[in-house]
């Protein structure tokens, strides 16, 4: 069987098209509402029939996109068995399935919610909202799926897959561009060998805080009213990818990382002991009202672990981590501290505060 793969929107929230060349049947993974018209045009131009849309995890953009395509094309909307989204027409359990003419394996990989799954095909894995790609679901005990023990169990199943398999993150800011499981083992701090107890302590120590933005999404999913979905855009989800990334740590761990003000950073940058500045925003955030600062190192927060060699020469120096508002910077600083950097601090308020001065 010949299967082809395409990335249909190369943004922070990626959508993948998979289709069988013999039958021209296709499935979409994690479609986004804003791109629905484009998806339909692309399918029509290729002579493809969309049979299913699959959400790898509960996410407002994907729910609205999948629901729109289900209404307009009549395809089936697929999520994990434990999903609360009522518009779903087909629910998946873990194991082997046939989605139209395309066989795939479904592996439960809990992230922010218990319905997160990874899709395993013969030569690749499409990973949903999983800690495997450096996203902090572990420790969020206020939400379904926030159990570091479940993450550890999921990682064991992932690590049991052939190392040649390529991993495609549903959201590229979550840690790594597509790479083999073997390559990830050498780069990703979350895949360091640990016993279950060691992993639980490690995950707790990262200080990822409650994902409060998910509460509204879960309540909305339970209501499952399409009209509400289209009308309801809470401020936190105006830029959904920003909201997911910028989850704050709990007070205890946040206090373990030094925070400096814009005024103090200005002073230190003019001194003989200027710190190394690391901007952890996404590439598309470095333009417009909050451009990149001159002389700064740019590594998106999700790529810190795999690109740690670029910072190795600064391991004994003072590093100030900067992002849009300061919250992602905390996570990056915690990762640097975990990896042995001696002095990683955070710019309070991030680029938003910098722009105000």
Protein backbone atom coordinates (compact mmCIF):
# COMPACT_ATOMS: atom_id res chain seq x y z
CA UNK A 1 0.00 0.00 0.00
CA UNK A 2 1.32 3.46 -0.98
CA UNK A 3 0.71 6.19 1.59
CA UNK A 4 1.69 9.81 1.04
CA UNK A 5 2.07 12.50 3.68
CA UNK A 6 1.79 16.28 3.47
CA UNK A 7 2.01 19.16 5.92
CA UNK A 8 -0.85 21.48 4.99
CA UNK A 9 -0.11 24.46 7.22
CA UNK A 10 3.45 24.98 8.34
CA UNK A 11 2.60 27.10 11.36
CA UNK A 12 3.09 26.42 15.05
CA UNK A 13 -0.08 24.30 14.92
CA UNK A 14 0.54 21.86 12.09
CA UNK A 15 -2.02 19.84 10.17
CA UNK A 16 -1.02 16.64 8.38
CA UNK A 17 -2.76 15.06 5.38
CA UNK A 18 -2.35 11.31 4.88
CA UNK A 19 -3.82 9.60 1.84
CA UNK A 20 -3.83 6.22 0.15
CA UNK A 21 -2.73 6.62 -3.49
CA UNK A 22 -4.77 3.65 -4.69
CA UNK A 23 -8.13 4.69 -3.30
CA UNK A 24 -7.50 8.47 -3.06
CA UNK A 25 -9.05 8.38 0.40
CA UNK A 26 -7.51 10.82 2.86
CA UNK A 27 -7.48 11.66 6.55
CA UNK A 28 -6.50 14.93 8.25
CA UNK A 29 -4.72 15.10 11.59
CA UNK A 30 -5.43 18.14 13.80
CA UNK A 31 -7.15 20.49 11.32
CA UNK A 32 -7.53 24.16 12.23
CA UNK A 33 -10.67 26.22 11.70
CA UNK A 34 -8.88 29.11 9.97
CA UNK A 35 -7.56 26.81 7.23
CA UNK A 36 -10.77 24.89 6.51
CA UNK A 37 -11.37 26.51 3.09
CA UNK A 38 -7.78 25.82 2.08
CA UNK A 39 -8.04 22.16 3.09
CA UNK A 40 -11.17 21.73 0.98
CA UNK A 41 -9.59 23.39 -2.07
CA UNK A 42 -6.45 21.28 -1.68
CA UNK A 43 -8.48 18.07 -1.49
CA UNK A 44 -10.56 19.01 -4.53
CA UNK A 45 -7.49 19.88 -6.61
CA UNK A 46 -5.91 16.55 -5.74
CA UNK A 47 -9.09 14.57 -6.41
CA UNK A 48 -9.02 13.28 -2.84
CA UNK A 49 -11.95 12.19 -0.66
CA UNK A 50 -11.63 13.18 2.98
CA UNK A 51 -13.10 10.33 5.03
CA UNK A 52 -11.90 11.19 8.56
CA UNK A 53 -10.49 14.04 10.66
CA UNK A 54 -8.54 13.00 13.76
CA UNK A 55 -7.73 15.10 16.82
CA UNK A 56 -4.66 13.86 18.64
CA UNK A 57 -5.74 15.78 21.74
CA UNK A 58 -8.32 18.18 23.13
CA UNK A 59 -7.52 21.57 21.63
CA UNK A 60 -9.90 24.43 20.82
CA UNK A 61 -8.49 25.05 17.31
CA UNK A 62 -8.67 21.40 16.33
CA UNK A 63 -12.16 20.89 17.76
CA UNK A 64 -13.55 23.81 15.77
CA UNK A 65 -11.66 22.80 12.61
CA UNK A 66 -12.74 19.16 12.80
CA UNK A 67 -16.34 20.11 13.51
CA UNK A 68 -16.42 22.51 10.55
CA UNK A 69 -15.07 19.88 8.14
CA UNK A 70 -17.46 17.25 9.48
CA UNK A 71 -20.38 19.59 8.75
CA UNK A 72 -19.19 20.76 5.33
CA UNK A 73 -17.81 17.51 3.90
CA UNK A 74 -19.60 14.85 5.90
CA UNK A 75 -16.39 13.14 7.03
CA UNK A 76 -16.18 11.34 10.35
CA UNK A 77 -14.73 13.13 13.36
CA UNK A 78 -12.43 10.85 15.38
CA UNK A 79 -11.01 11.21 18.89
CA UNK A 80 -9.87 8.99 21.73
CA UNK A 81 -12.45 6.98 23.64
CA UNK A 82 -12.09 9.21 26.72
CA UNK A 83 -12.73 12.48 24.86
CA UNK A 84 -15.53 14.69 26.16
CA UNK A 85 -16.21 16.25 22.75
CA UNK A 86 -19.75 15.20 21.79
CA UNK A 87 -19.44 16.08 18.08
CA UNK A 88 -17.14 13.06 17.65
CA UNK A 89 -18.70 10.34 15.47
CA UNK A 90 -16.05 7.66 16.02
CA UNK A 91 -14.04 6.99 19.18
CA UNK A 92 -10.72 5.16 19.23
CA UNK A 93 -9.30 2.79 21.80
CA UNK A 94 -5.60 2.03 22.01
CA UNK A 95 -4.45 -0.59 19.51
CA UNK A 96 -4.58 -1.23 15.76
CA UNK A 97 -7.30 0.41 13.66
CA UNK A 98 -8.23 0.92 10.03
CA UNK A 99 -9.15 4.51 9.21
CA UNK A 100 -10.79 4.18 5.81
CA UNK A 101 -8.13 2.36 3.77
CA UNK A 102 -5.26 3.42 6.03
CA UNK A 103 -4.14 1.09 8.86
CA UNK A 104 -2.55 2.73 11.89
CA UNK A 105 -1.80 2.09 15.52
CA UNK A 106 -3.17 4.29 18.29
CA UNK A 107 -1.06 4.78 21.39
CA UNK A 108 -2.34 6.64 24.45
CA UNK A 109 0.13 9.42 25.34
CA UNK A 110 -1.56 11.64 27.94
CA UNK A 111 -0.73 15.32 27.83
CA UNK A 112 -2.88 18.10 29.23
CA UNK A 113 -5.89 15.78 29.03
CA UNK A 114 -6.39 12.04 29.07
CA UNK A 115 -7.54 11.89 25.45
CA UNK A 116 -4.11 12.60 23.94
CA UNK A 117 -2.95 9.94 21.47
CA UNK A 118 -0.07 9.22 19.11
CA UNK A 119 -0.69 7.65 15.70
CA UNK A 120 1.83 5.01 14.64
CA UNK A 121 2.28 4.26 10.92
CA UNK A 122 4.87 1.97 9.30
CA UNK A 123 7.61 4.62 9.08
CA UNK A 124 6.55 7.44 11.39
CA UNK A 125 4.74 8.48 14.54
CA UNK A 126 2.46 11.51 14.79
CA UNK A 127 2.68 12.65 18.40
CA UNK A 128 -0.12 14.55 20.12
CA UNK A 129 0.08 16.62 23.26
CA UNK A 130 2.70 14.55 25.04
CA UNK A 131 5.54 15.31 27.42
CA UNK A 132 7.74 13.31 25.04
CA UNK A 133 8.19 16.51 23.03
CA UNK A 134 9.11 18.70 25.99
CA UNK A 135 5.62 19.99 26.77
CA UNK A 136 4.78 20.21 30.44
CA UNK A 137 1.68 18.18 31.12
CA UNK A 138 3.23 16.33 34.06
CA UNK A 139 2.32 17.59 37.48
CA UNK A 140 -0.90 19.28 36.38
CA UNK A 141 -2.96 17.37 38.87
CA UNK A 142 -5.79 19.88 38.63
CA UNK A 143 -6.60 18.57 35.15
CA UNK A 144 -7.40 15.16 33.66
CA UNK A 145 -4.18 13.61 32.41
CA UNK A 146 -1.86 15.68 34.58
CA UNK A 147 -0.28 12.56 36.07
CA UNK A 148 3.47 12.21 35.64
CA UNK A 149 3.11 8.48 36.22
CA UNK A 150 0.96 8.18 33.09
CA UNK A 151 3.57 10.14 31.17
CA UNK A 152 6.28 7.75 32.32
CA UNK A 153 4.21 4.76 31.21
CA UNK A 154 3.65 6.41 27.80
CA UNK A 155 7.36 7.09 27.37
CA UNK A 156 8.13 3.43 27.97
CA UNK A 157 5.79 2.46 25.12
CA UNK A 158 7.28 5.12 22.84
CA UNK A 159 10.83 4.01 23.63
CA UNK A 160 9.84 0.45 22.80
CA UNK A 161 9.15 1.45 19.18
CA UNK A 162 11.83 0.97 16.48
CA UNK A 163 14.43 3.73 16.66
CA UNK A 164 14.19 4.34 12.90
CA UNK A 165 10.64 5.69 13.25
CA UNK A 166 10.41 9.42 12.58
CA UNK A 167 8.46 11.47 15.11
CA UNK A 168 6.28 14.28 13.78
CA UNK A 169 5.12 16.65 16.54
CA UNK A 170 1.56 17.89 16.16
CA UNK A 171 2.89 21.27 17.34
CA UNK A 172 6.49 21.96 16.38
CA UNK A 173 7.01 24.36 19.31
CA UNK A 174 6.59 21.41 21.66
CA UNK A 175 10.20 20.44 21.43
CA UNK A 176 11.59 18.95 18.29
CA UNK A 177 11.35 19.13 14.56
CA UNK A 178 10.73 15.73 12.91
CA UNK A 179 13.52 13.35 13.89
CA UNK A 180 13.98 9.68 14.60
CA UNK A 181 13.28 8.18 17.99
CA UNK A 182 16.95 7.20 18.07
CA UNK A 183 18.02 10.82 17.54
CA UNK A 184 15.56 12.03 20.18
CA UNK A 185 17.10 9.70 22.74
CA UNK A 186 20.44 11.50 22.37
CA UNK A 187 18.99 15.03 22.57
CA UNK A 188 15.85 15.11 24.68
CA UNK A 189 16.30 15.52 28.42
CA UNK A 190 12.89 13.93 29.00
CA UNK A 191 14.17 10.67 27.52
CA UNK A 192 17.14 10.33 29.85
CA UNK A 193 17.13 6.85 31.47
CA UNK A 194 15.26 7.05 34.77
CA UNK A 195 13.35 4.68 36.96
CA UNK A 196 9.67 5.47 37.40
CA UNK A 197 10.30 7.10 40.80
CA UNK A 198 13.21 9.14 39.40
CA UNK A 199 11.03 10.32 36.54
CA UNK A 200 8.20 11.36 38.84
CA UNK A 201 10.63 13.40 40.94
CA UNK A 202 12.14 14.94 37.79
CA UNK A 203 8.74 15.91 36.36
CA UNK A 204 7.60 17.39 39.65
CA UNK A 205 10.80 19.37 39.90
CA UNK A 206 10.19 21.09 36.56
CA UNK A 207 7.54 23.25 38.17
CA UNK A 208 5.00 23.28 35.35
CA UNK A 209 1.92 24.93 36.74
CA UNK A 210 -1.82 24.43 36.26
CA UNK A 211 -2.98 24.88 32.67
CA UNK A 212 -5.83 27.17 33.65
CA UNK A 213 -6.63 28.00 30.03
CA UNK A 214 -7.82 24.39 29.55
CA UNK A 215 -10.70 24.72 32.02
CA UNK A 216 -12.78 26.82 29.64
CA UNK A 217 -12.02 24.46 26.76
CA UNK A 218 -13.10 21.43 28.75
CA UNK A 219 -16.30 23.10 29.91
CA UNK A 220 -17.04 24.10 26.34
CA UNK A 221 -16.40 20.56 25.14
CA UNK A 222 -18.89 19.24 27.64
CA UNK A 223 -21.49 21.74 26.45
CA UNK A 224 -20.70 20.71 22.86
CA UNK A 225 -22.69 23.45 21.21
CA UNK A 226 -21.32 24.36 17.78
CA UNK A 227 -22.75 27.87 17.97
CA UNK A 228 -20.90 28.41 21.24
CA UNK A 229 -17.69 27.07 19.74
CA UNK A 230 -17.78 29.60 16.94
CA UNK A 231 -18.66 32.52 19.19
CA UNK A 232 -16.50 31.71 22.20
CA UNK A 233 -12.90 32.91 21.96
CA UNK A 234 -11.57 33.63 25.46
CA UNK A 235 -8.63 36.06 25.61
CA UNK A 236 -6.20 33.28 26.56
CA UNK A 237 -6.92 31.51 23.28
CA UNK A 238 -6.53 34.53 21.02
CA UNK A 239 -3.15 32.99 20.20
CA UNK A 240 -3.68 29.40 21.26
CA UNK A 241 -0.08 28.33 20.82
CA UNK A 242 1.12 31.19 23.03
CA UNK A 243 -1.37 30.19 25.71
CA UNK A 244 -0.23 26.58 25.78
CA UNK A 245 3.43 27.46 25.95
CA UNK A 246 3.14 30.11 28.61
CA UNK A 247 1.91 27.99 31.53
CA UNK A 248 3.43 29.26 34.77
CA UNK A 249 5.25 27.21 37.36
CA UNK A 250 4.08 26.84 40.94
CA UNK A 251 5.30 29.42 43.43
CA UNK A 252 7.93 27.18 45.00
CA UNK A 253 9.73 26.40 41.76
CA UNK A 254 9.23 29.85 40.28
CA UNK A 255 11.01 31.31 43.27
CA UNK A 256 13.97 28.98 42.64
CA UNK A 257 14.76 30.90 39.43
CA UNK A 258 15.99 34.49 39.72
CA UNK A 259 13.91 37.20 38.04
CA UNK A 260 15.42 40.51 36.97
CA UNK A 261 13.68 43.71 35.93
CA UNK A 262 14.11 45.54 32.64
CA UNK A 263 15.95 48.34 34.47
CA UNK A 264 18.39 45.88 36.05
CA UNK A 265 19.00 44.17 32.71
CA UNK A 266 19.76 47.53 31.07
CA UNK A 267 22.31 48.24 33.80
CA UNK A 268 23.92 44.81 33.59
CA UNK A 269 24.17 44.95 29.79
CA UNK A 270 26.22 48.17 30.09
CA UNK A 271 28.58 46.70 32.68
CA UNK A 272 31.78 44.70 32.22
CA UNK A 273 29.89 41.54 33.13
CA UNK A 274 27.03 41.67 30.64
CA UNK A 275 24.88 38.54 30.71
CA UNK A 276 24.22 36.23 27.76
CA UNK A 277 20.71 36.91 26.44
CA UNK A 278 18.63 33.99 25.14
CA UNK A 279 15.29 34.70 23.41
CA UNK A 280 13.04 31.61 23.50
CA UNK A 281 10.15 32.91 21.39
CA UNK A 282 9.06 31.26 18.13
CA UNK A 283 10.52 32.53 14.84
CA UNK A 284 7.27 34.20 13.77
CA UNK A 285 7.24 36.22 17.01
CA UNK A 286 10.49 38.06 16.19
CA UNK A 287 8.85 40.57 13.86
CA UNK A 288 6.31 43.33 14.33
CA UNK A 289 5.94 45.23 17.59
CA UNK A 290 8.31 43.00 19.57
CA UNK A 291 11.31 42.34 17.29
CA UNK A 292 14.43 40.43 18.31
CA UNK A 293 17.04 42.36 20.28
CA UNK A 294 20.48 42.89 18.77
CA UNK A 295 23.22 40.50 19.86
CA UNK A 296 20.82 37.96 21.34
CA UNK A 297 20.84 34.18 20.95
CA UNK A 298 17.53 32.88 19.59
CA UNK A 299 16.46 29.31 20.43
CA UNK A 300 12.71 28.57 20.73
CA UNK A 301 11.89 27.14 24.14
CA UNK A 302 10.90 23.78 22.67
CA UNK A 303 14.33 23.36 21.05
CA UNK A 304 16.45 24.15 24.11
CA UNK A 305 17.21 20.52 24.92
CA UNK A 306 18.18 19.44 21.40
CA UNK A 307 20.27 22.59 20.76
CA UNK A 308 21.95 22.70 24.15
CA UNK A 309 25.40 22.44 22.53
CA UNK A 310 24.96 25.97 21.17
CA UNK A 311 24.84 27.25 24.75
CA UNK A 312 27.49 24.96 26.24
CA UNK A 313 30.27 27.58 26.10
CA UNK A 314 28.12 29.83 28.34
CA UNK A 315 27.48 27.19 31.00
CA UNK A 316 29.46 29.04 33.69
CA UNK A 317 28.20 32.51 32.68
CA UNK A 318 25.14 34.51 33.66
CA UNK A 319 22.25 33.84 31.27
CA UNK A 320 19.04 35.87 31.09
CA UNK A 321 16.17 34.13 29.32
CA UNK A 322 13.59 36.28 27.54
CA UNK A 323 10.24 35.47 25.92
CA UNK A 324 7.09 37.40 25.10
CA UNK A 325 5.79 37.93 28.61
CA UNK A 326 8.25 36.06 30.82
CA UNK A 327 6.42 32.78 31.39
CA UNK A 328 8.01 30.52 28.78
CA UNK A 329 11.35 31.92 29.91
CA UNK A 330 10.78 30.31 33.31
CA UNK A 331 10.41 26.90 31.73
CA UNK A 332 13.56 27.40 29.64
CA UNK A 333 15.51 28.54 32.70
CA UNK A 334 14.38 25.46 34.63
CA UNK A 335 15.55 23.21 31.79
CA UNK A 336 18.94 24.97 31.69
CA UNK A 337 19.27 24.60 35.45
CA UNK A 338 18.40 20.90 35.20
CA UNK A 339 21.15 20.53 32.58
CA UNK A 340 23.82 22.08 34.78
CA UNK A 341 23.84 25.79 33.89
CA UNK A 342 25.00 27.74 36.90
CA UNK A 343 23.16 31.07 36.59
CA UNK A 344 19.99 31.18 34.46
CA UNK A 345 17.52 33.95 35.28
CA UNK A 346 14.35 35.33 33.70
CA UNK A 347 13.48 38.82 32.48
CA UNK A 348 10.34 39.80 34.37
CA UNK A 349 7.56 40.65 31.93
CA UNK A 350 9.64 39.62 28.90
CA UNK A 351 9.55 41.62 25.67
CA UNK A 352 6.21 43.17 26.61
CA UNK A 353 7.90 44.84 29.59
CA UNK A 354 10.98 45.73 27.51
CA UNK A 355 8.83 47.49 24.90
CA UNK A 356 7.15 49.64 27.57
CA UNK A 357 10.48 51.12 28.76
